[in-house]
Amino acid sequence: MSRSTKLFLDILLGAVVPILVLSYLTDTLGAVPTYLLAALIPVGWVFVDLFFITKRINFITGFLGLNALVRGLLAFWFVDGLLYALKDTSGGVLTVMIFGGSLLIGRPVVRAFAEQSLDPRSPKQESAVEGLFRERPVARALFWSTALLTAVNAATSLANFLLNLRIVTAAFGTQDFNTQVAQVNAITRIALGIPEMAAWGVALYLIFRALYKTLHTQLPNASREHDLWDLIEKRDAQRDAQKEHAATSTEGSTE
């Protein structure tokens, strides 16, 4: 599945379809069944993606799966008012806790996302990526990218909480409640997703800029048009040659 198709389905099943279900099926299915259907469609899509499309178990899929599981379980917590606003913000709070916590323990969580973007396919490539991530400019970019995403998610989570508190005022289990949830979701699921996507773009830009800058510093004669993995291979070949030369020089001096 192409990335554009995947993005389209994420938006369609994660935001658009649930809003349409809440808006048009309450009279047919009843308020509570319609609410549950709308809440579980995005959860079901995440698990279909993980187990039948992506089919990969790693930190990213584990994080997405945990977030979906929490939302799925909370869908059966039938509350309104302040408690509903808290419930609907739980996913954002979980994200902030994981991202912020990773900074406190010195393992910026964006590192896992960057590693998946590079997609190392052998132990040698994995070792090369590990070494590159330890370089100070790259480590600094990983830290500040994670801090940026933590701050943006904290801001959007607060906005999500306040919007839910202001808009969703009807009692749970009524048509008005479903209508208000659809209204707030039309704002939060789409509008608040824009700054989060922009933050991810900035974060990945900072990381890859640091990766290329570090490699070009170590390989001053390398072309600026080289692929990142080409640069990594050239750097490793250069280091192997330097080690071999050093070993040869040591043997010669010993003799």
Protein backbone atom coordinates (compact mmCIF):
# COMPACT_ATOMS: atom_id res chain seq x y z
CA MET A 1 0.00 0.00 0.00
CA SER A 2 1.39 3.38 -0.99
CA ARG A 3 1.95 6.09 1.62
CA SER A 4 -0.63 8.37 0.00
CA THR A 5 -3.28 5.63 0.11
CA LYS A 6 -2.37 4.86 3.73
CA LEU A 7 -2.65 8.54 4.68
CA PHE A 8 -6.01 8.80 2.91
CA LEU A 9 -7.36 5.78 4.81
CA ASP A 10 -5.99 7.09 8.11
CA ILE A 11 -7.91 10.35 7.64
CA LEU A 12 -11.03 8.64 6.25
CA LEU A 13 -11.37 5.94 8.92
CA GLY A 14 -9.76 7.87 11.76
CA ALA A 15 -11.78 11.07 11.41
CA VAL A 16 -14.27 11.40 8.55
CA VAL A 17 -16.24 8.13 8.88
CA PRO A 18 -16.70 8.41 12.67
CA ILE A 19 -18.02 11.97 12.27
CA LEU A 20 -20.47 10.83 9.56
CA VAL A 21 -21.61 7.90 11.71
CA LEU A 22 -22.33 10.20 14.67
CA SER A 23 -24.08 12.71 12.45
CA TYR A 24 -26.36 10.42 10.45
CA LEU A 25 -26.86 7.04 12.16
CA THR A 26 -28.07 7.99 15.63
CA ASP A 27 -31.76 7.88 14.63
CA THR A 28 -31.29 4.48 12.99
CA LEU A 29 -29.05 2.65 15.47
CA GLY A 30 -29.72 4.52 18.69
CA ALA A 31 -27.46 6.94 20.54
CA VAL A 32 -25.25 4.51 22.47
CA PRO A 33 -24.65 1.92 19.68
CA THR A 34 -23.86 4.76 17.26
CA TYR A 35 -21.39 6.31 19.70
CA LEU A 36 -19.64 2.96 20.21
CA LEU A 37 -19.48 2.28 16.47
CA ALA A 38 -17.96 5.71 15.81
CA ALA A 39 -15.46 5.27 18.64
CA LEU A 40 -14.37 1.76 17.61
CA ILE A 41 -13.97 2.31 13.85
CA PRO A 42 -10.61 4.16 14.24
CA VAL A 43 -9.48 1.56 16.80
CA GLY A 44 -10.38 -1.30 14.46
CA TRP A 45 -8.55 0.36 11.58
CA VAL A 46 -5.36 0.68 13.65
CA PHE A 47 -5.38 -3.03 14.47
CA VAL A 48 -6.19 -4.01 10.86
CA ASP A 49 -3.24 -1.89 9.76
CA LEU A 50 -0.89 -3.40 12.35
CA PHE A 51 -1.78 -7.07 11.87
CA PHE A 52 -2.79 -7.29 8.20
CA ILE A 53 -1.06 -4.41 6.37
CA THR A 54 2.09 -3.33 8.22
CA LYS A 55 2.68 -6.76 9.80
CA ARG A 56 5.69 -5.49 11.76
CA ILE A 57 6.25 -5.46 15.50
CA ASN A 58 8.46 -2.62 16.68
CA PHE A 59 8.32 0.37 18.99
CA ILE A 60 6.17 2.43 16.61
CA THR A 61 3.55 -0.25 16.02
CA GLY A 62 3.59 -1.06 19.74
CA PHE A 63 2.98 2.60 20.59
CA LEU A 64 0.13 2.88 18.07
CA GLY A 65 -1.36 -0.37 19.30
CA LEU A 66 -1.23 0.76 22.95
CA ASN A 67 -2.87 4.07 22.08
CA ALA A 68 -5.62 2.28 20.15
CA LEU A 69 -6.15 -0.23 22.97
CA VAL A 70 -6.55 2.56 25.53
CA ARG A 71 -9.06 4.37 23.30
CA GLY A 72 -10.95 1.15 22.65
CA LEU A 73 -11.30 0.35 26.34
CA LEU A 74 -12.28 3.92 27.22
CA ALA A 75 -15.03 3.84 24.59
CA PHE A 76 -17.02 1.71 27.06
CA TRP A 77 -16.64 4.27 29.83
CA PHE A 78 -19.94 6.11 29.37
CA VAL A 79 -19.43 9.60 30.79
CA ASP A 80 -20.15 13.19 29.85
CA GLY A 81 -19.08 16.69 30.83
CA LEU A 82 -15.66 17.03 32.48
CA LEU A 83 -15.02 13.28 32.54
CA TYR A 84 -15.74 12.97 28.83
CA ALA A 85 -13.31 15.82 28.08
CA LEU A 86 -10.67 13.99 30.13
CA LYS A 87 -11.45 10.68 28.41
CA ASP A 88 -11.21 12.14 24.93
CA THR A 89 -7.85 13.73 25.80
CA SER A 90 -6.35 10.52 27.21
CA GLY A 91 -4.56 9.61 23.96
CA GLY A 92 -2.77 12.95 23.87
CA VAL A 93 -1.86 12.68 27.56
CA LEU A 94 -0.42 9.19 26.94
CA THR A 95 1.67 10.56 24.06
CA VAL A 96 3.00 13.43 26.18
CA MET A 97 3.88 11.05 29.02
CA ILE A 98 5.77 8.66 26.73
CA PHE A 99 7.60 11.37 24.79
CA GLY A 100 8.38 13.48 27.86
CA GLY A 101 9.37 10.43 29.88
CA SER A 102 11.79 9.35 27.17
CA LEU A 103 13.61 12.68 27.57
CA LEU A 104 13.90 12.20 31.32
CA ILE A 105 15.56 8.79 30.94
CA GLY A 106 17.86 10.02 28.16
CA ARG A 107 16.32 7.92 25.36
CA PRO A 108 14.44 10.37 23.09
CA VAL A 109 11.55 8.43 21.64
CA VAL A 110 11.90 10.06 18.20
CA ARG A 111 15.06 8.00 17.82
CA ALA A 112 12.88 4.91 17.23
CA PHE A 113 10.88 6.72 14.55
CA ALA A 114 14.05 7.98 12.84
CA GLU A 115 15.54 4.49 12.90
CA GLN A 116 12.41 3.07 11.28
CA SER A 117 12.63 5.77 8.60
CA LEU A 118 16.21 4.70 7.82
CA ASP A 119 15.10 1.04 7.79
CA PRO A 120 18.43 -0.74 8.48
CA ARG A 121 18.31 -4.22 6.95
CA SER A 122 21.35 -5.95 8.43
CA PRO A 123 23.22 -6.10 11.75
CA LYS A 124 26.01 -4.03 10.17
CA GLN A 125 23.56 -1.31 9.13
CA GLU A 126 21.92 -1.37 12.56
CA SER A 127 25.33 -0.93 14.19
CA ALA A 128 26.13 1.95 11.82
CA VAL A 129 22.86 3.71 12.70
CA GLU A 130 23.50 3.20 16.44
CA GLY A 131 26.92 4.81 16.10
CA LEU A 132 25.55 7.68 14.04
CA PHE A 133 22.82 8.41 16.59
CA ARG A 134 25.50 8.70 19.29
CA GLU A 135 27.23 11.53 17.42
CA ARG A 136 26.67 14.73 19.41
CA PRO A 137 24.91 16.80 16.68
CA VAL A 138 22.53 13.93 15.93
CA ALA A 139 21.87 13.19 19.61
CA ARG A 140 21.11 16.88 20.14
CA ALA A 141 18.68 16.89 17.18
CA LEU A 142 16.93 13.79 18.55
CA PHE A 143 16.52 15.47 21.95
CA TRP A 144 15.12 18.75 20.64
CA SER A 145 12.87 17.02 18.11
CA THR A 146 11.34 14.93 20.90
CA ALA A 147 11.00 18.04 23.08
CA LEU A 148 9.24 19.86 20.22
CA LEU A 149 6.77 17.01 19.71
CA THR A 150 6.14 16.78 23.45
CA ALA A 151 5.35 20.49 23.65
CA VAL A 152 3.10 20.48 20.57
CA ASN A 153 1.17 17.41 21.77
CA ALA A 154 0.78 19.00 25.20
CA ALA A 155 -0.67 22.14 23.58
CA THR A 156 -3.04 20.22 21.28
CA SER A 157 -4.12 17.99 24.18
CA LEU A 158 -4.99 21.07 26.25
CA ALA A 159 -6.89 22.54 23.30
CA ASN A 160 -8.72 19.23 22.80
CA PHE A 161 -9.73 19.15 26.49
CA LEU A 162 -11.00 22.75 26.48
CA LEU A 163 -12.94 22.31 23.22
CA ASN A 164 -14.63 19.16 24.50
CA LEU A 165 -15.45 20.84 27.79
CA ARG A 166 -17.01 23.80 25.96
CA ILE A 167 -18.86 22.02 23.14
CA VAL A 168 -19.92 18.61 24.54
CA THR A 169 -22.42 19.67 27.22
CA ALA A 170 -25.34 17.26 26.60
CA ALA A 171 -25.93 14.13 28.64
CA PHE A 172 -24.41 10.86 27.39
CA GLY A 173 -26.75 8.57 25.49
CA THR A 174 -28.69 11.34 23.75
CA GLN A 175 -28.78 12.48 20.15
CA ASP A 176 -27.53 15.92 21.19
CA PHE A 177 -24.46 14.31 22.81
CA ASN A 178 -23.57 12.46 19.59
CA THR A 179 -24.12 15.61 17.54
CA GLN A 180 -21.85 17.62 19.81
CA VAL A 181 -19.17 14.90 19.76
CA ALA A 182 -19.29 14.97 15.94
CA GLN A 183 -18.92 18.76 16.00
CA VAL A 184 -15.91 18.74 18.32
CA ASN A 185 -14.30 15.85 16.44
CA ALA A 186 -14.58 17.80 13.18
CA ILE A 187 -12.37 20.42 14.83
CA THR A 188 -10.00 18.35 16.93
CA ARG A 189 -9.37 15.35 14.66
CA ILE A 190 -8.54 17.52 11.65
CA ALA A 191 -7.59 21.04 12.77
CA LEU A 192 -5.44 19.92 15.70
CA GLY A 193 -3.79 17.29 13.50
CA ILE A 194 -2.26 20.03 11.34
CA PRO A 195 0.20 21.42 13.95
CA GLU A 196 1.05 17.86 15.03
CA MET A 197 1.89 16.85 11.44
CA ALA A 198 3.86 20.09 10.98
CA ALA A 199 5.82 19.33 14.17
CA TRP A 200 6.66 15.85 12.86
CA GLY A 201 7.88 17.41 9.62
CA VAL A 202 10.13 19.85 11.48
CA ALA A 203 11.39 17.10 13.81
CA LEU A 204 12.37 14.76 10.97
CA TYR A 205 13.95 17.65 9.07
CA LEU A 206 16.13 18.52 12.09
CA ILE A 207 17.21 14.91 12.51
CA PHE A 208 18.06 14.24 8.88
CA ARG A 209 19.80 17.61 8.55
CA ALA A 210 21.98 16.62 11.52
CA LEU A 211 22.64 13.18 9.99
CA TYR A 212 23.76 14.62 6.64
CA LYS A 213 25.77 17.40 8.27
CA THR A 214 27.61 14.92 10.49
CA LEU A 215 28.40 12.60 7.60
CA HIS A 216 29.55 15.41 5.31
CA THR A 217 31.80 16.71 8.10
CA GLN A 218 33.40 13.27 8.29
CA LEU A 219 33.48 12.97 4.47
CA PRO A 220 34.37 16.48 3.23
CA ASN A 221 34.96 15.27 -0.34
CA ALA A 222 31.65 13.41 -0.67
CA SER A 223 29.04 14.68 -3.11
CA ARG A 224 26.05 16.50 -1.61
CA GLU A 225 23.78 14.39 -3.82
CA HIS A 226 24.73 11.07 -2.24
CA ASP A 227 22.04 8.94 -0.61
CA LEU A 228 22.28 8.73 3.18
CA TRP A 229 23.14 5.02 3.14
CA ASP A 230 25.81 5.66 0.48
CA LEU A 231 27.40 8.20 2.81
CA ILE A 232 27.22 5.78 5.75
CA GLU A 233 28.89 3.06 3.67
CA LYS A 234 31.60 5.48 2.52
CA ARG A 235 32.24 6.54 6.10
CA ASP A 236 32.49 2.92 7.28
CA ALA A 237 34.82 2.07 4.39
CA GLN A 238 36.99 5.08 5.26
CA ARG A 239 37.16 4.04 8.92
CA ASP A 240 38.01 0.44 7.99
CA ALA A 241 40.81 1.70 5.75
CA GLN A 242 42.14 3.92 8.53
CA LYS A 243 42.11 1.01 10.99
CA GLU A 244 43.90 -1.23 8.49
CA HIS A 245 46.50 1.46 7.84
CA ALA A 246 47.01 1.96 11.58
CA ALA A 247 47.40 -1.78 12.12
CA THR A 248 49.91 -2.02 9.26
CA SER A 249 51.90 0.92 10.62
CA THR A 250 51.99 -0.68 14.07
CA GLU A 251 53.28 -3.96 12.67
CA GLY A 252 55.95 -2.12 10.67
CA SER A 253 57.20 -0.18 13.68
CA THR A 254 57.32 -3.38 15.75
CA GLU A 255 59.51 -5.10 13.19
